[in-house]
Amino acid sequence: MTQIGGVQSWCLGVTLQLILAAVLHQGLATVAPPTTAQTTAAPHKDLGRPERGNYRVTSSNGTVCLLASMGLQFNITFNSVSLNKTVQDVVNLQPNVSKISGSCDSDSASLRLSSDAEKTNLTFVFTLNTTSNKYHLSEVSLSAAWPDMKEPFSAQNRSLDYLRGTLGFSYMCREAQTLSVAEDLSINTFQVQVQPFGLTGDQFGAAEECQLDEDDMLIPIIVGVALAGLVLVVLLAYLIGRKRSHAGYQTI
């Protein structure tokens, strides 16, 4: 029975290691936020998740050439008038006050969201590799002139590689991501589905899910398999121990 107990302990240890590894993997499978200079955080605001907006861009002939559905949140660093120092703030994009525009070419598509009330202009540019038929978010730019800013804010990055998908398919990611744009700007995305190329009509193509979503589905499977294996081994150990016990009685 000591040997059986040792087997059970070993199985329990292996199971716990598998569960721990799955949890750690989930914790590490995130897009790292940008490194920023030392600043002061703005007064705490419980914004919650931003509202999910639905956006579409039409080409010159009137057909839909880009579809996007997502919630957007800015992590932005700027010089504050009221606090007289550099602060980090978090601001949700409001879809209901955003004007939608953009353009589409054979290998480039852009989505621009602007708000006169909030004096904000956000542009996403997607690029298609016509050889591999793969697309990605290659450029993001943001300009803003909010009341508490000492001077207008502007940030741009033309060498990004986010939201990768295949021509004719949409990119989907239910999990929140942080897209690093510049030292003073990153963008949190929520429940993203986007397709900048290969649309047929005004509906998304079949979705290609992001790695974060796949990892999120994988963890319960790993834990379930590990627990099922533990139960099976304990049951086998019990049956073997019971059989040995009966054999001992017969010998006596």
C-alpha atoms as a PDB file:
ATOM      1  CA  MET A   1       0.000   0.000   0.000  1.00  0.00           C
ATOM      2  CA  THR A   2       2.971   2.321   0.533  1.00  0.00           C
ATOM      3  CA  GLN A   3       3.858   1.935  -3.134  1.00  0.00           C
ATOM      4  CA  ILE A   4       0.275   2.739  -4.161  1.00  0.00           C
ATOM      5  CA  GLY A   5       0.259   5.812  -1.946  1.00  0.00           C
ATOM      6  CA  GLY A   6       3.499   6.893  -3.584  1.00  0.00           C
ATOM      7  CA  VAL A   7       1.953   6.539  -7.042  1.00  0.00           C
ATOM      8  CA  GLN A   8      -1.040   8.626  -5.971  1.00  0.00           C
ATOM      9  CA  SER A   9       1.225  11.334  -4.549  1.00  0.00           C
ATOM     10  CA  TRP A  10       3.295  11.371  -7.736  1.00  0.00           C
ATOM     11  CA  CYS A  11       0.166  11.692  -9.903  1.00  0.00           C
ATOM     12  CA  LEU A  12      -1.148  14.507  -7.725  1.00  0.00           C
ATOM     13  CA  GLY A  13       2.168  16.327  -8.029  1.00  0.00           C
ATOM     14  CA  VAL A  14       2.218  15.982 -11.825  1.00  0.00           C
ATOM     15  CA  THR A  15      -1.393  17.180 -12.057  1.00  0.00           C
ATOM     16  CA  LEU A  16      -0.684  20.258  -9.959  1.00  0.00           C
ATOM     17  CA  GLN A  17       2.359  21.037 -12.118  1.00  0.00           C
ATOM     18  CA  LEU A  18       0.251  20.811 -15.286  1.00  0.00           C
ATOM     19  CA  ILE A  19      -2.407  23.103 -13.853  1.00  0.00           C
ATOM     20  CA  LEU A  20       0.218  25.586 -12.647  1.00  0.00           C
ATOM     21  CA  ALA A  21       1.939  25.546 -16.042  1.00  0.00           C
ATOM     22  CA  ALA A  22      -1.372  26.231 -17.791  1.00  0.00           C
ATOM     23  CA  VAL A  23      -2.156  29.162 -15.508  1.00  0.00           C
ATOM     24  CA  LEU A  24       1.327  30.645 -15.915  1.00  0.00           C
ATOM     25  CA  HIS A  25       1.082  30.240 -19.684  1.00  0.00           C
ATOM     26  CA  GLN A  26      -2.171  32.180 -19.696  1.00  0.00           C
ATOM     27  CA  GLY A  27      -0.604  34.914 -17.587  1.00  0.00           C
ATOM     28  CA  LEU A  28       2.329  35.294 -19.957  1.00  0.00           C
ATOM     29  CA  ALA A  29       0.303  35.135 -23.172  1.00  0.00           C
ATOM     30  CA  THR A  30      -0.441  38.855 -23.362  1.00  0.00           C
ATOM     31  CA  VAL A  31       0.774  41.673 -25.530  1.00  0.00           C
ATOM     32  CA  ALA A  32       3.282  43.598 -23.410  1.00  0.00           C
ATOM     33  CA  PRO A  33       2.454  47.242 -22.712  1.00  0.00           C
ATOM     34  CA  PRO A  34       4.993  49.884 -23.727  1.00  0.00           C
ATOM     35  CA  THR A  35       7.819  51.090 -21.525  1.00  0.00           C
ATOM     36  CA  THR A  36       7.162  54.678 -20.520  1.00  0.00           C
ATOM     37  CA  ALA A  37       9.070  57.384 -18.696  1.00  0.00           C
ATOM     38  CA  GLN A  38       8.268  58.022 -15.037  1.00  0.00           C
ATOM     39  CA  THR A  39       5.052  59.981 -14.815  1.00  0.00           C
ATOM     40  CA  THR A  40       2.194  60.657 -12.433  1.00  0.00           C
ATOM     41  CA  ALA A  41      -1.036  58.769 -12.834  1.00  0.00           C
ATOM     42  CA  ALA A  42      -4.135  60.874 -13.356  1.00  0.00           C
ATOM     43  CA  PRO A  43      -6.860  60.728 -10.681  1.00  0.00           C
ATOM     44  CA  HIS A  44      -8.424  57.250 -10.594  1.00  0.00           C
ATOM     45  CA  LYS A  45     -11.346  56.723 -12.960  1.00  0.00           C
ATOM     46  CA  ASP A  46     -13.350  53.517 -13.100  1.00  0.00           C
ATOM     47  CA  LEU A  47     -14.049  53.585 -16.821  1.00  0.00           C
ATOM     48  CA  GLY A  48     -14.955  49.959 -17.306  1.00  0.00           C
ATOM     49  CA  ARG A  49     -14.789  48.419 -20.748  1.00  0.00           C
ATOM     50  CA  PRO A  50     -15.282  50.835 -23.643  1.00  0.00           C
ATOM     51  CA  GLU A  51     -18.388  50.576 -25.771  1.00  0.00           C
ATOM     52  CA  ARG A  52     -17.935  48.327 -28.781  1.00  0.00           C
ATOM     53  CA  GLY A  53     -18.268  50.277 -32.008  1.00  0.00           C
ATOM     54  CA  ASN A  54     -19.181  48.945 -35.443  1.00  0.00           C
ATOM     55  CA  TYR A  55     -17.340  50.582 -38.326  1.00  0.00           C
ATOM     56  CA  ARG A  56     -17.369  50.204 -42.089  1.00  0.00           C
ATOM     57  CA  VAL A  57     -15.467  51.847 -44.921  1.00  0.00           C
ATOM     58  CA  THR A  58     -16.773  51.915 -48.490  1.00  0.00           C
ATOM     59  CA  SER A  59     -14.740  52.164 -51.655  1.00  0.00           C
ATOM     60  CA  SER A  60     -15.272  54.698 -54.452  1.00  0.00           C
ATOM     61  CA  ASN A  61     -17.804  52.390 -56.142  1.00  0.00           C
ATOM     62  CA  GLY A  62     -19.914  52.140 -52.980  1.00  0.00           C
ATOM     63  CA  THR A  63     -19.002  48.600 -51.936  1.00  0.00           C
ATOM     64  CA  VAL A  64     -17.899  47.840 -48.365  1.00  0.00           C
ATOM     65  CA  CYS A  65     -14.137  47.315 -48.330  1.00  0.00           C
ATOM     66  CA  LEU A  66     -13.356  47.320 -44.581  1.00  0.00           C
ATOM     67  CA  LEU A  67     -15.351  46.123 -41.579  1.00  0.00           C
ATOM     68  CA  ALA A  68     -14.372  46.507 -37.938  1.00  0.00           C
ATOM     69  CA  SER A  69     -16.085  45.907 -34.618  1.00  0.00           C
ATOM     70  CA  MET A  70     -14.173  46.668 -31.409  1.00  0.00           C
ATOM     71  CA  GLY A  71     -13.930  48.605 -28.188  1.00  0.00           C
ATOM     72  CA  LEU A  72     -10.965  50.986 -27.938  1.00  0.00           C
ATOM     73  CA  GLN A  73      -9.244  52.536 -24.937  1.00  0.00           C
ATOM     74  CA  PHE A  74      -6.258  54.910 -24.951  1.00  0.00           C
ATOM     75  CA  ASN A  75      -3.361  54.730 -22.487  1.00  0.00           C
ATOM     76  CA  ILE A  76      -1.900  58.171 -23.072  1.00  0.00           C
ATOM     77  CA  THR A  77       0.815  60.316 -21.479  1.00  0.00           C
ATOM     78  CA  PHE A  78       0.603  64.116 -21.775  1.00  0.00           C
ATOM     79  CA  ASN A  79       1.355  67.386 -19.989  1.00  0.00           C
ATOM     80  CA  SER A  80      -1.569  68.317 -17.759  1.00  0.00           C
ATOM     81  CA  VAL A  81      -2.665  71.934 -17.281  1.00  0.00           C
ATOM     82  CA  SER A  82      -4.581  71.294 -14.056  1.00  0.00           C
ATOM     83  CA  LEU A  83      -1.822  69.257 -12.395  1.00  0.00           C
ATOM     84  CA  ASN A  84       1.090  71.127 -14.020  1.00  0.00           C
ATOM     85  CA  LYS A  85       2.980  67.897 -14.664  1.00  0.00           C
ATOM     86  CA  THR A  86       3.168  64.927 -16.999  1.00  0.00           C
ATOM     87  CA  VAL A  87       0.386  62.432 -16.333  1.00  0.00           C
ATOM     88  CA  GLN A  88      -0.781  59.054 -17.603  1.00  0.00           C
ATOM     89  CA  ASP A  89      -4.466  58.819 -18.343  1.00  0.00           C
ATOM     90  CA  VAL A  90      -6.872  56.171 -19.631  1.00  0.00           C
ATOM     91  CA  VAL A  91      -9.630  57.298 -21.980  1.00  0.00           C
ATOM     92  CA  ASN A  92     -12.360  55.314 -23.729  1.00  0.00           C
ATOM     93  CA  LEU A  93     -13.177  56.035 -27.348  1.00  0.00           C
ATOM     94  CA  GLN A  94     -16.866  56.925 -27.726  1.00  0.00           C
ATOM     95  CA  PRO A  95     -18.249  55.304 -30.913  1.00  0.00           C
ATOM     96  CA  ASN A  96     -21.468  57.346 -30.853  1.00  0.00           C
ATOM     97  CA  VAL A  97     -19.584  60.637 -31.348  1.00  0.00           C
ATOM     98  CA  SER A  98     -16.993  59.309 -33.796  1.00  0.00           C
ATOM     99  CA  LYS A  99     -17.143  60.085 -37.502  1.00  0.00           C
ATOM    100  CA  ILE A 100     -16.068  57.175 -39.707  1.00  0.00           C
ATOM    101  CA  SER A 101     -13.989  57.552 -42.841  1.00  0.00           C
ATOM    102  CA  GLY A 102     -11.181  55.764 -44.648  1.00  0.00           C
ATOM    103  CA  SER A 103     -10.015  54.378 -47.945  1.00  0.00           C
ATOM    104  CA  CYS A 104      -9.156  51.086 -49.622  1.00  0.00           C
ATOM    105  CA  ASP A 105      -6.576  50.120 -52.231  1.00  0.00           C
ATOM    106  CA  SER A 106      -5.452  46.747 -53.510  1.00  0.00           C
ATOM    107  CA  ASP A 107      -2.834  46.335 -50.766  1.00  0.00           C
ATOM    108  CA  SER A 108      -3.702  49.067 -48.239  1.00  0.00           C
ATOM    109  CA  ALA A 109      -6.826  49.979 -46.260  1.00  0.00           C
ATOM    110  CA  SER A 110      -7.383  52.644 -43.629  1.00  0.00           C
ATOM    111  CA  LEU A 111      -9.992  53.362 -40.956  1.00  0.00           C
ATOM    112  CA  ARG A 112     -10.210  56.853 -39.482  1.00  0.00           C
ATOM    113  CA  LEU A 113     -12.278  57.704 -36.413  1.00  0.00           C
ATOM    114  CA  SER A 114     -12.570  61.399 -35.601  1.00  0.00           C
ATOM    115  CA  SER A 115     -14.508  63.452 -33.079  1.00  0.00           C
ATOM    116  CA  ASP A 116     -14.922  67.198 -33.263  1.00  0.00           C
ATOM    117  CA  ALA A 117     -16.335  67.324 -29.733  1.00  0.00           C
ATOM    118  CA  GLU A 118     -13.406  65.423 -28.239  1.00  0.00           C
ATOM    119  CA  LYS A 119     -10.910  66.819 -30.792  1.00  0.00           C
ATOM    120  CA  THR A 120      -9.525  63.347 -31.438  1.00  0.00           C
ATOM    121  CA  ASN A 121      -8.378  61.714 -34.671  1.00  0.00           C
ATOM    122  CA  LEU A 122      -7.408  58.030 -34.723  1.00  0.00           C
ATOM    123  CA  THR A 123      -6.243  56.226 -37.866  1.00  0.00           C
ATOM    124  CA  PHE A 124      -5.586  52.524 -38.414  1.00  0.00           C
ATOM    125  CA  VAL A 125      -3.781  51.428 -41.579  1.00  0.00           C
ATOM    126  CA  PHE A 126      -3.767  47.796 -42.706  1.00  0.00           C
ATOM    127  CA  THR A 127      -1.335  46.378 -45.259  1.00  0.00           C
ATOM    128  CA  LEU A 128      -1.796  43.280 -47.434  1.00  0.00           C
ATOM    129  CA  ASN A 129       1.123  41.138 -48.570  1.00  0.00           C
ATOM    130  CA  THR A 130      -0.079  40.099 -52.022  1.00  0.00           C
ATOM    131  CA  THR A 131       2.447  37.259 -52.170  1.00  0.00           C
ATOM    132  CA  SER A 132       1.444  35.485 -48.943  1.00  0.00           C
ATOM    133  CA  ASN A 133      -2.161  36.845 -48.909  1.00  0.00           C
ATOM    134  CA  LYS A 134      -1.648  37.896 -45.281  1.00  0.00           C
ATOM    135  CA  TYR A 135      -2.628  41.271 -43.834  1.00  0.00           C
ATOM    136  CA  HIS A 136      -1.776  43.096 -40.607  1.00  0.00           C
ATOM    137  CA  LEU A 137      -2.217  46.403 -38.816  1.00  0.00           C
ATOM    138  CA  SER A 138       0.889  48.257 -39.944  1.00  0.00           C
ATOM    139  CA  GLU A 139       0.280  51.839 -38.832  1.00  0.00           C
ATOM    140  CA  VAL A 140      -1.527  53.717 -36.066  1.00  0.00           C
ATOM    141  CA  SER A 141      -1.663  57.471 -35.574  1.00  0.00           C
ATOM    142  CA  LEU A 142      -3.468  59.554 -32.965  1.00  0.00           C
ATOM    143  CA  SER A 143      -3.844  63.298 -32.593  1.00  0.00           C
ATOM    144  CA  ALA A 144      -5.757  64.890 -29.723  1.00  0.00           C
ATOM    145  CA  ALA A 145      -6.332  68.330 -28.232  1.00  0.00           C
ATOM    146  CA  TRP A 146      -8.155  67.709 -24.973  1.00  0.00           C
ATOM    147  CA  PRO A 147      -8.945  70.586 -22.576  1.00  0.00           C
ATOM    148  CA  ASP A 148      -6.375  69.531 -19.952  1.00  0.00           C
ATOM    149  CA  MET A 149      -3.501  69.232 -22.432  1.00  0.00           C
ATOM    150  CA  LYS A 150      -0.900  72.002 -22.392  1.00  0.00           C
ATOM    151  CA  GLU A 151      -0.210  71.331 -26.068  1.00  0.00           C
ATOM    152  CA  PRO A 152      -1.847  69.088 -28.710  1.00  0.00           C
ATOM    153  CA  PHE A 153      -0.857  65.438 -28.543  1.00  0.00           C
ATOM    154  CA  SER A 154       0.401  63.508 -31.549  1.00  0.00           C
ATOM    155  CA  ALA A 155       1.811  59.985 -31.937  1.00  0.00           C
ATOM    156  CA  GLN A 156       2.398  57.752 -34.937  1.00  0.00           C
ATOM    157  CA  ASN A 157       4.018  54.406 -35.681  1.00  0.00           C
ATOM    158  CA  ARG A 158       4.327  53.060 -39.234  1.00  0.00           C
ATOM    159  CA  SER A 159       6.145  49.804 -38.455  1.00  0.00           C
ATOM    160  CA  LEU A 160       3.579  47.822 -36.451  1.00  0.00           C
ATOM    161  CA  ASP A 161       2.620  44.186 -36.865  1.00  0.00           C
ATOM    162  CA  TYR A 162      -0.683  43.540 -35.069  1.00  0.00           C
ATOM    163  CA  LEU A 163      -4.057  41.943 -35.872  1.00  0.00           C
ATOM    164  CA  ARG A 164      -2.650  39.520 -38.441  1.00  0.00           C
ATOM    165  CA  GLY A 165      -5.092  37.719 -40.713  1.00  0.00           C
ATOM    166  CA  THR A 166      -5.531  35.979 -44.062  1.00  0.00           C
ATOM    167  CA  LEU A 167      -7.110  37.454 -47.193  1.00  0.00           C
ATOM    168  CA  GLY A 168     -10.816  36.618 -47.256  1.00  0.00           C
ATOM    169  CA  PHE A 169     -10.946  35.901 -43.512  1.00  0.00           C
ATOM    170  CA  SER A 170     -11.632  38.193 -40.569  1.00  0.00           C
ATOM    171  CA  TYR A 171      -9.345  38.543 -37.556  1.00  0.00           C
ATOM    172  CA  MET A 172     -11.063  37.968 -34.211  1.00  0.00           C
ATOM    173  CA  CYS A 173      -9.876  38.343 -30.627  1.00  0.00           C
ATOM    174  CA  ARG A 174     -12.358  38.297 -27.753  1.00  0.00           C
ATOM    175  CA  GLU A 175      -9.619  38.743 -25.135  1.00  0.00           C
ATOM    176  CA  ALA A 176      -8.339  42.226 -24.320  1.00  0.00           C
ATOM    177  CA  GLN A 177      -5.029  43.200 -25.917  1.00  0.00           C
ATOM    178  CA  THR A 178      -2.648  46.121 -25.497  1.00  0.00           C
ATOM    179  CA  LEU A 179      -1.139  47.461 -28.728  1.00  0.00           C
ATOM    180  CA  SER A 180       2.050  49.425 -28.105  1.00  0.00           C
ATOM    181  CA  VAL A 181       2.194  52.385 -30.483  1.00  0.00           C
ATOM    182  CA  ALA A 182       4.702  54.834 -28.994  1.00  0.00           C
ATOM    183  CA  GLU A 183       6.405  55.610 -25.702  1.00  0.00           C
ATOM    184  CA  ASP A 184       3.498  57.838 -24.719  1.00  0.00           C
ATOM    185  CA  LEU A 185       0.656  55.855 -26.304  1.00  0.00           C
ATOM    186  CA  SER A 186      -0.771  52.359 -26.264  1.00  0.00           C
ATOM    187  CA  ILE A 187      -4.258  51.203 -27.174  1.00  0.00           C
ATOM    188  CA  ASN A 188      -6.316  48.579 -25.380  1.00  0.00           C
ATOM    189  CA  THR A 189      -8.612  46.638 -27.693  1.00  0.00           C
ATOM    190  CA  PHE A 190     -11.664  44.638 -26.603  1.00  0.00           C
ATOM    191  CA  GLN A 191     -13.697  42.066 -28.546  1.00  0.00           C
ATOM    192  CA  VAL A 192     -12.024  42.831 -31.855  1.00  0.00           C
ATOM    193  CA  GLN A 193     -13.230  41.574 -35.210  1.00  0.00           C
ATOM    194  CA  VAL A 194     -11.802  43.236 -38.291  1.00  0.00           C
ATOM    195  CA  GLN A 195     -11.474  42.488 -41.996  1.00  0.00           C
ATOM    196  CA  PRO A 196      -9.760  45.034 -44.236  1.00  0.00           C
ATOM    197  CA  PHE A 197      -9.514  42.923 -47.412  1.00  0.00           C
ATOM    198  CA  GLY A 198     -11.384  40.243 -49.334  1.00  0.00           C
ATOM    199  CA  LEU A 199     -14.913  41.123 -48.231  1.00  0.00           C
ATOM    200  CA  THR A 200     -17.886  39.705 -50.105  1.00  0.00           C
ATOM    201  CA  GLY A 201     -20.855  41.915 -49.345  1.00  0.00           C
ATOM    202  CA  ASP A 202     -21.184  43.630 -45.974  1.00  0.00           C
ATOM    203  CA  GLN A 203     -20.562  40.611 -43.725  1.00  0.00           C
ATOM    204  CA  PHE A 204     -17.373  39.390 -42.052  1.00  0.00           C
ATOM    205  CA  GLY A 205     -15.703  36.360 -43.567  1.00  0.00           C
ATOM    206  CA  ALA A 206     -14.948  33.267 -41.481  1.00  0.00           C
ATOM    207  CA  ALA A 207     -13.005  34.266 -38.375  1.00  0.00           C
ATOM    208  CA  GLU A 208      -9.400  33.390 -37.566  1.00  0.00           C
ATOM    209  CA  GLU A 209      -9.106  33.546 -33.771  1.00  0.00           C
ATOM    210  CA  CYS A 210      -6.103  35.080 -32.044  1.00  0.00           C
ATOM    211  CA  GLN A 211      -3.623  33.113 -29.959  1.00  0.00           C
ATOM    212  CA  LEU A 212      -5.001  34.598 -26.735  1.00  0.00           C
ATOM    213  CA  ASP A 213      -8.439  33.122 -27.436  1.00  0.00           C
ATOM    214  CA  GLU A 214      -6.938  29.740 -28.314  1.00  0.00           C
ATOM    215  CA  ASP A 215      -4.909  29.715 -25.098  1.00  0.00           C
ATOM    216  CA  ASP A 216      -8.001  30.661 -23.106  1.00  0.00           C
ATOM    217  CA  MET A 217      -9.827  27.620 -24.520  1.00  0.00           C
ATOM    218  CA  LEU A 218      -6.805  25.341 -24.061  1.00  0.00           C
ATOM    219  CA  ILE A 219      -6.433  25.812 -20.300  1.00  0.00           C
ATOM    220  CA  PRO A 220      -9.751  24.163 -19.289  1.00  0.00           C
ATOM    221  CA  ILE A 221      -8.914  21.249 -21.594  1.00  0.00           C
ATOM    222  CA  ILE A 222      -5.485  20.754 -19.987  1.00  0.00           C
ATOM    223  CA  VAL A 223      -6.926  20.953 -16.480  1.00  0.00           C
ATOM    224  CA  GLY A 224      -9.758  18.577 -17.353  1.00  0.00           C
ATOM    225  CA  VAL A 225      -7.437  16.009 -18.908  1.00  0.00           C
ATOM    226  CA  ALA A 226      -5.057  16.212 -15.935  1.00  0.00           C
ATOM    227  CA  LEU A 227      -7.875  15.709 -13.415  1.00  0.00           C
ATOM    228  CA  ALA A 228      -9.356  12.854 -15.441  1.00  0.00           C
ATOM    229  CA  GLY A 229      -5.933  11.180 -15.539  1.00  0.00           C
ATOM    230  CA  LEU A 230      -5.561  11.567 -11.788  1.00  0.00           C
ATOM    231  CA  VAL A 231      -8.972   9.995 -11.139  1.00  0.00           C
ATOM    232  CA  LEU A 232      -8.138   7.086 -13.464  1.00  0.00           C
ATOM    233  CA  VAL A 233      -4.781   6.387 -11.807  1.00  0.00           C
ATOM    234  CA  VAL A 234      -6.293   6.548  -8.307  1.00  0.00           C
ATOM    235  CA  LEU A 235      -9.052   4.154  -9.383  1.00  0.00           C
ATOM    236  CA  LEU A 236      -6.532   1.712 -10.881  1.00  0.00           C
ATOM    237  CA  ALA A 237      -4.395   1.916  -7.747  1.00  0.00           C
ATOM    238  CA  TYR A 238      -7.457   1.154  -5.628  1.00  0.00           C
ATOM    239  CA  LEU A 239      -8.424  -1.850  -7.767  1.00  0.00           C
ATOM    240  CA  ILE A 240      -4.843  -3.218  -7.732  1.00  0.00           C
ATOM    241  CA  GLY A 241      -4.653  -2.763  -3.957  1.00  0.00           C
ATOM    242  CA  ARG A 242      -7.975  -4.521  -3.491  1.00  0.00           C
ATOM    243  CA  LYS A 243      -6.884  -7.410  -5.706  1.00  0.00           C
ATOM    244  CA  ARG A 244      -3.671  -7.849  -3.719  1.00  0.00           C
ATOM    245  CA  SER A 245      -5.665  -7.800  -0.492  1.00  0.00           C
ATOM    246  CA  HIS A 246      -7.926 -10.616  -1.705  1.00  0.00           C
ATOM    247  CA  ALA A 247      -4.910 -12.599  -2.883  1.00  0.00           C
ATOM    248  CA  GLY A 248      -3.390 -12.288   0.588  1.00  0.00           C
ATOM    249  CA  TYR A 249      -6.553 -13.689   2.204  1.00  0.00           C
ATOM    250  CA  GLN A 250      -6.539 -16.670  -0.124  1.00  0.00           C
ATOM    251  CA  THR A 251      -2.932 -17.484   0.794  1.00  0.00           C
ATOM    252  CA  ILE A 252      -3.754 -17.499   4.490  1.00  0.00           C
END
